Protein backbone atom coordinates (compact mmCIF):
# COMPACT_ATOMS: atom_id res chain seq x y z
CA MET A 1 -13.96 -96.37 72.38
CA GLN A 2 -11.83 -94.37 69.92
CA LEU A 3 -8.89 -93.62 72.17
CA ASP A 4 -6.38 -94.40 69.41
CA ALA A 5 -8.23 -92.03 67.10
CA ILE A 6 -8.28 -89.29 69.75
CA ARG A 7 -4.59 -89.83 70.47
CA THR A 8 -3.95 -89.55 66.74
CA PHE A 9 -6.00 -86.35 66.50
CA ILE A 10 -3.85 -84.78 69.22
CA ALA A 11 -0.63 -85.86 67.47
CA VAL A 12 -1.75 -84.41 64.12
CA SER A 13 -2.93 -81.14 65.69
CA GLU A 14 0.44 -80.75 67.46
CA THR A 15 2.64 -81.65 64.47
CA GLY A 16 0.45 -80.18 61.72
CA ASN A 17 1.41 -83.11 59.54
CA PHE A 18 0.06 -86.65 59.06
CA HIS A 19 3.53 -88.02 58.30
CA GLU A 20 5.10 -86.56 61.45
CA ALA A 21 2.15 -87.75 63.54
CA ALA A 22 2.63 -91.28 62.15
CA LYS A 23 6.30 -91.22 63.16
CA ARG A 24 5.43 -90.00 66.64
CA LEU A 25 2.83 -92.74 67.11
CA ASN A 26 4.93 -95.40 65.40
CA VAL A 27 2.17 -96.29 62.93
CA THR A 28 1.78 -95.91 59.17
CA GLN A 29 0.53 -92.72 57.60
CA SER A 30 -2.44 -94.60 56.17
CA THR A 31 -3.39 -95.61 59.71
CA VAL A 32 -3.29 -91.97 60.79
CA SER A 33 -5.47 -90.99 57.83
CA ALA A 34 -7.97 -93.75 58.58
CA ARG A 35 -8.27 -92.78 62.25
CA ILE A 36 -8.82 -89.10 61.45
CA ARG A 37 -11.34 -90.01 58.76
CA SER A 38 -13.21 -92.16 61.29
CA LEU A 39 -13.45 -89.24 63.70
CA GLU A 40 -14.58 -86.85 61.01
CA GLU A 41 -17.27 -89.28 59.90
CA SER A 42 -18.47 -89.53 63.51
CA PHE A 43 -18.83 -85.75 63.75
CA GLY A 44 -20.06 -85.28 60.22
CA ARG A 45 -17.59 -82.45 59.56
CA PRO A 46 -13.86 -82.03 58.87
CA LEU A 47 -11.51 -81.59 61.81
CA PHE A 48 -8.55 -80.45 59.71
CA LEU A 49 -8.02 -78.19 56.73
CA ARG A 50 -5.66 -79.92 54.29
CA GLY A 51 -3.05 -77.98 52.35
CA ARG A 52 0.28 -78.43 50.59
CA GLN A 53 2.18 -77.28 53.67
CA GLY A 54 0.36 -79.67 55.99
CA VAL A 55 -2.86 -79.48 57.95
CA ALA A 56 -4.46 -76.99 60.34
CA LEU A 57 -7.40 -77.34 62.68
CA SER A 58 -10.77 -76.45 61.24
CA GLU A 59 -13.37 -74.68 63.36
CA GLY A 60 -14.77 -78.08 64.33
CA GLY A 61 -11.26 -79.28 65.10
CA ARG A 62 -10.62 -76.36 67.41
CA GLN A 63 -13.83 -77.12 69.26
CA PHE A 64 -12.91 -80.78 69.61
CA ALA A 65 -9.32 -80.11 70.71
CA ARG A 66 -10.35 -79.22 74.26
CA TYR A 67 -12.42 -82.37 74.65
CA ALA A 68 -9.74 -84.58 73.09
CA ASP A 69 -7.17 -83.42 75.63
CA ASN A 70 -9.53 -83.98 78.56
CA MET A 71 -10.63 -87.39 77.26
CA MET A 72 -7.04 -88.58 77.29
CA ARG A 73 -6.47 -87.12 80.74
CA LEU A 74 -9.63 -88.79 82.05
CA TRP A 75 -8.53 -92.08 80.52
CA ARG A 76 -5.16 -91.82 82.26
CA ARG A 77 -6.96 -91.02 85.51
CA ALA A 78 -9.20 -94.07 85.05
CA GLN A 79 -6.17 -96.27 84.38
CA HIS A 80 -4.50 -94.88 87.48
CA ASP A 81 -7.54 -95.33 89.71
CA VAL A 82 -8.55 -98.79 88.50
CA ALA A 83 -5.01 -100.10 88.77
CA LEU A 84 -4.36 -98.83 92.30
CA SER A 85 -1.92 -101.03 94.17
CA PRO A 86 -2.98 -102.83 97.36
CA GLY A 87 -2.92 -100.43 100.29
CA TYR A 88 -4.50 -97.56 98.37
CA THR A 89 -8.24 -97.06 98.62
CA GLY A 90 -8.50 -94.06 96.31
CA SER A 91 -6.65 -91.35 94.42
CA PHE A 92 -6.64 -87.56 94.50
CA GLY A 93 -5.69 -85.23 91.64
CA VAL A 94 -4.20 -81.79 92.28
CA GLY A 95 -3.19 -79.07 89.85
CA SER A 96 -0.93 -76.10 90.52
CA GLN A 97 0.51 -73.13 88.75
CA VAL A 98 4.28 -73.52 88.63
CA SER A 99 4.80 -70.41 90.77
CA LEU A 100 2.84 -72.00 93.64
CA TRP A 101 4.63 -75.34 93.61
CA ASP A 102 7.32 -74.48 96.17
CA ARG A 103 5.04 -72.27 98.24
CA LEU A 104 2.13 -74.69 98.63
CA ILE A 105 2.23 -78.06 96.89
CA LEU A 106 5.75 -79.14 97.85
CA LYS A 107 4.80 -78.65 101.52
CA TRP A 108 1.26 -79.96 101.13
CA ILE A 109 2.27 -83.35 99.67
CA PRO A 110 3.99 -84.67 102.84
CA TRP A 111 1.13 -83.25 104.95
CA MET A 112 -1.39 -85.12 102.80
CA ARG A 113 0.67 -88.31 102.77
CA SER A 114 0.58 -88.26 106.56
CA ALA A 115 -3.11 -87.36 106.86
CA ALA A 116 -4.33 -89.74 104.14
CA PRO A 117 -1.70 -92.46 103.62
CA ASP A 118 -4.14 -94.67 101.71
CA ALA A 119 -4.65 -92.05 98.97
CA ALA A 120 -2.49 -92.06 95.84
CA LEU A 121 -1.70 -88.47 94.82
CA ARG A 122 -1.49 -87.17 91.25
CA VAL A 123 -0.04 -83.70 90.76
CA GLU A 124 0.02 -81.62 87.56
CA ALA A 125 1.30 -78.15 86.71
CA ASP A 126 -0.36 -75.84 84.19
CA TYR A 127 -1.92 -72.39 83.71
CA SER A 128 -5.06 -71.15 85.47
CA ALA A 129 -7.45 -71.54 82.52
CA SER A 130 -6.41 -75.13 81.86
CA LEU A 131 -6.45 -76.07 85.53
CA MET A 132 -9.99 -74.75 85.97
CA ARG A 133 -11.12 -76.78 82.98
CA TYR A 134 -9.57 -79.94 84.39
CA VAL A 135 -11.36 -79.42 87.70
CA ALA A 136 -14.67 -78.71 85.97
CA ASP A 137 -14.31 -81.83 83.80
CA GLY A 138 -13.35 -84.09 86.70
CA VAL A 139 -9.76 -84.61 85.60
CA LEU A 140 -8.50 -82.99 88.82
CA ASP A 141 -10.09 -82.78 92.27
CA LEU A 142 -8.74 -79.30 93.02
CA ALA A 143 -6.26 -76.76 91.76
CA VAL A 144 -4.36 -73.80 93.22
CA MET A 145 -3.85 -70.69 91.12
CA TYR A 146 -3.64 -66.91 91.09
CA GLN A 147 -6.41 -65.78 88.74
CA PRO A 148 -9.46 -68.06 88.73
CA ARG A 149 -12.59 -67.13 86.81
CA ARG A 150 -16.04 -67.67 88.24
CA GLN A 151 -17.59 -70.81 86.79
CA SER A 152 -20.84 -72.56 87.62
CA GLY A 153 -20.35 -75.60 89.84
CA LEU A 154 -16.89 -74.61 91.05
CA SER A 155 -16.01 -73.16 94.45
CA ILE A 156 -13.25 -70.56 94.70
CA GLU A 157 -11.59 -69.97 98.07
CA GLN A 158 -8.78 -67.52 98.77
CA LEU A 159 -5.89 -69.32 100.42
CA MET A 160 -3.41 -66.54 101.01
CA VAL A 161 -2.09 -63.22 99.79
CA GLU A 162 1.51 -63.12 98.65
CA THR A 163 3.52 -59.96 99.33
CA LEU A 164 5.77 -58.76 96.53
CA VAL A 165 8.57 -56.28 97.23
CA MET A 166 10.91 -54.27 95.07
CA VAL A 167 14.53 -55.46 95.34
CA SER A 168 17.74 -54.49 93.63
CA THR A 169 21.27 -55.86 93.38
CA ARG A 170 22.47 -52.34 94.23
CA PRO A 171 22.15 -51.39 97.93
CA ASP A 172 21.88 -47.69 97.01
CA ALA A 173 19.42 -48.04 94.09
CA GLY A 174 16.98 -45.53 95.56
CA ALA A 175 15.04 -43.66 92.89
CA ASP A 176 17.54 -44.91 90.29
CA TRP A 177 16.00 -48.41 90.17
CA ARG A 178 14.35 -47.66 86.80
CA ALA A 179 17.67 -47.79 84.96
CA ASP A 180 17.92 -51.58 85.13
CA TYR A 181 14.37 -52.53 86.02
CA VAL A 182 13.05 -55.97 85.06
CA LEU A 183 9.26 -56.11 84.78
CA VAL A 184 7.77 -59.49 85.68
CA HIS A 185 4.23 -60.37 84.56
CA TRP A 186 2.70 -61.41 87.87
CA GLY A 187 -0.82 -61.34 86.49
CA ARG A 188 -3.63 -58.93 85.67
CA ASP A 189 -4.17 -57.58 89.21
CA PHE A 190 -0.46 -56.91 89.70
CA ALA A 191 -0.25 -55.15 86.33
CA MET A 192 -3.08 -52.80 87.32
CA ALA A 193 -1.58 -52.00 90.72
CA HIS A 194 1.86 -51.55 89.15
CA SER A 195 0.52 -49.10 86.56
CA GLU A 196 -1.17 -47.07 89.28
CA ALA A 197 2.00 -46.97 91.39
CA PHE A 198 4.33 -46.11 88.50
CA PRO A 199 2.25 -44.39 85.79
CA ASP A 200 5.31 -42.75 84.19
CA LEU A 201 7.57 -45.83 84.12
CA GLY A 202 7.62 -46.26 80.35
CA THR A 203 8.97 -49.37 78.65
CA PRO A 204 11.33 -51.40 80.85
CA ALA A 205 14.61 -52.66 79.41
CA VAL A 206 13.64 -56.27 80.15
CA THR A 207 10.23 -57.90 80.55
CA VAL A 208 9.75 -61.57 81.50
CA GLY A 209 6.72 -63.80 81.89
CA LEU A 210 8.08 -66.15 84.57
CA GLY A 211 9.14 -64.83 87.96
CA MET A 212 12.02 -67.24 88.55
CA LEU A 213 13.57 -66.27 85.22
CA GLY A 214 13.47 -62.63 86.19
CA LEU A 215 14.98 -63.34 89.59
CA ARG A 216 17.79 -65.43 88.15
CA TYR A 217 18.49 -62.76 85.58
CA ILE A 218 18.94 -59.88 88.02
CA VAL A 219 20.99 -61.98 90.48
CA ALA A 220 23.34 -62.95 87.64
CA ASN A 221 23.41 -59.65 85.73
CA GLY A 222 22.23 -56.97 88.14
CA GLY A 223 18.99 -55.07 88.16
CA SER A 224 15.80 -54.51 90.12
CA GLY A 225 12.29 -55.94 90.12
CA TYR A 226 9.26 -57.04 92.11
CA PHE A 227 9.32 -60.53 93.62
CA PRO A 228 7.55 -62.44 96.40
CA ILE A 229 9.27 -61.84 99.73
CA ARG A 230 9.58 -65.61 100.20
CA LEU A 231 11.75 -65.88 97.07
CA VAL A 232 14.09 -63.00 97.79
CA ARG A 233 14.43 -63.52 101.55
CA PRO A 234 17.56 -65.74 101.29
CA PHE A 235 19.21 -63.38 98.77
CA ILE A 236 18.56 -60.43 101.07
CA ALA A 237 20.08 -62.37 103.99
CA GLU A 238 23.19 -63.07 101.87
CA GLY A 239 23.50 -59.44 100.81
CA LYS A 240 22.93 -60.22 97.13
CA LEU A 241 19.65 -58.30 97.00
CA HIS A 242 18.39 -55.23 98.84
CA ARG A 243 14.95 -53.73 99.43
CA VAL A 244 14.45 -50.52 97.45
CA ASP A 245 13.42 -47.71 99.79
CA GLY A 246 10.34 -45.69 98.91
CA THR A 247 8.64 -48.34 96.78
CA PRO A 248 5.29 -49.85 97.77
CA THR A 249 4.64 -53.52 98.44
CA MET A 250 2.25 -55.32 96.09
CA GLN A 251 -0.33 -57.99 96.90
CA ARG A 252 -1.05 -61.15 94.90
CA PRO A 253 -3.88 -63.40 96.14
CA ALA A 254 -3.74 -67.16 95.57
CA TYR A 255 -6.84 -69.36 95.45
CA VAL A 256 -7.95 -72.98 95.54
CA VAL A 257 -10.66 -74.12 93.12
CA TYR A 258 -12.69 -77.32 93.52
CA ASP A 259 -15.93 -78.95 92.43
CA THR A 260 -18.80 -77.97 94.70
CA HIS A 261 -20.41 -81.38 94.25
CA SER A 262 -17.28 -83.54 94.29
CA THR A 263 -17.83 -87.29 94.64
CA ASN A 264 -14.42 -87.43 96.37
CA ARG A 265 -15.63 -85.28 99.27
CA PRO A 266 -13.85 -86.91 102.24
CA LEU A 267 -10.44 -86.67 100.58
CA LEU A 268 -11.26 -83.19 99.31
CA GLU A 269 -12.00 -81.94 102.84
CA THR A 270 -8.72 -83.41 104.09
CA ALA A 271 -6.80 -81.87 101.20
CA LEU A 272 -8.36 -78.45 101.81
CA GLU A 273 -7.50 -78.60 105.49
CA GLY A 274 -3.87 -79.26 104.61
CA LEU A 275 -3.69 -76.47 102.05
CA ARG A 276 -5.17 -74.00 104.53
CA GLU A 277 -2.58 -74.96 107.15
CA VAL A 278 0.34 -74.72 104.71
CA ALA A 279 -0.91 -71.39 103.35
CA ALA A 280 -1.39 -69.94 106.85
CA ALA A 281 2.14 -70.95 107.88
CA GLY A 282 3.61 -69.34 104.78
CA GLN A 283 1.56 -66.21 105.32
CA ALA A 284 2.89 -65.87 108.85
CA GLU A 285 6.47 -66.15 107.57
CA ASP A 286 5.82 -63.40 105.04
CA HIS A 287 4.48 -61.03 107.69
CA THR A 288 7.63 -61.41 109.80
CA ALA A 289 9.82 -60.64 106.80
CA VAL A 290 8.05 -57.60 105.36
């Protein structure tokens, strides 16, 4: 096994420098060079392009980068599973987009702990593309996300549909909401629906890629934007935010992705049951608030 070499490859690719990678790994630079050379000899091609300013991934290195990351994740999973403490009969890995953590995973964990107390849970947060890869490669058992892509061997099930509403810090924003509008990137489907609803919007003053950042910004500085009703509900109750009349609601589906032929099927079925229950409860709350 060349785990040290793979770990070194990841360190060099992230730092772009053999010396910095050696410091991170607490080894000598010659050790780093030897490990990378060993990998390159195994593949029969260079993994890095050397230059005066450091190193950059070659085409072969870019291809290997995905596998290197998953190999280390699989190794950590193996260490976790093999070293399970007495009382645990298995483990279950779950991935989630950050935006779905509070809505689903934070409520699902206690449900799962109650339903399967002998299962050790591992939870990771990442983006949709990475999470799908981890499920496909066996690093995770399932993942929840907004924009999955069809992939052979993976099942995709819609869990819920989030409702996003336009809110403003000004109770009388009305048609004047454009003046301090904050556009949040809620994904491809939202962007298409948003463009259809507001074709003449133009360039907003502020654009953010993470919903919570946008929400914190307008609460602190004033403004308007689209956010899930579950996030803005307490601010509306406190009078800090107000629904903007005359603006449409937007829909954002959330999905669970899992391996169709999972070897962890009993725990997978239990986990899916819990996610469906948590999602249904949240959906009901949204409907009462819209």
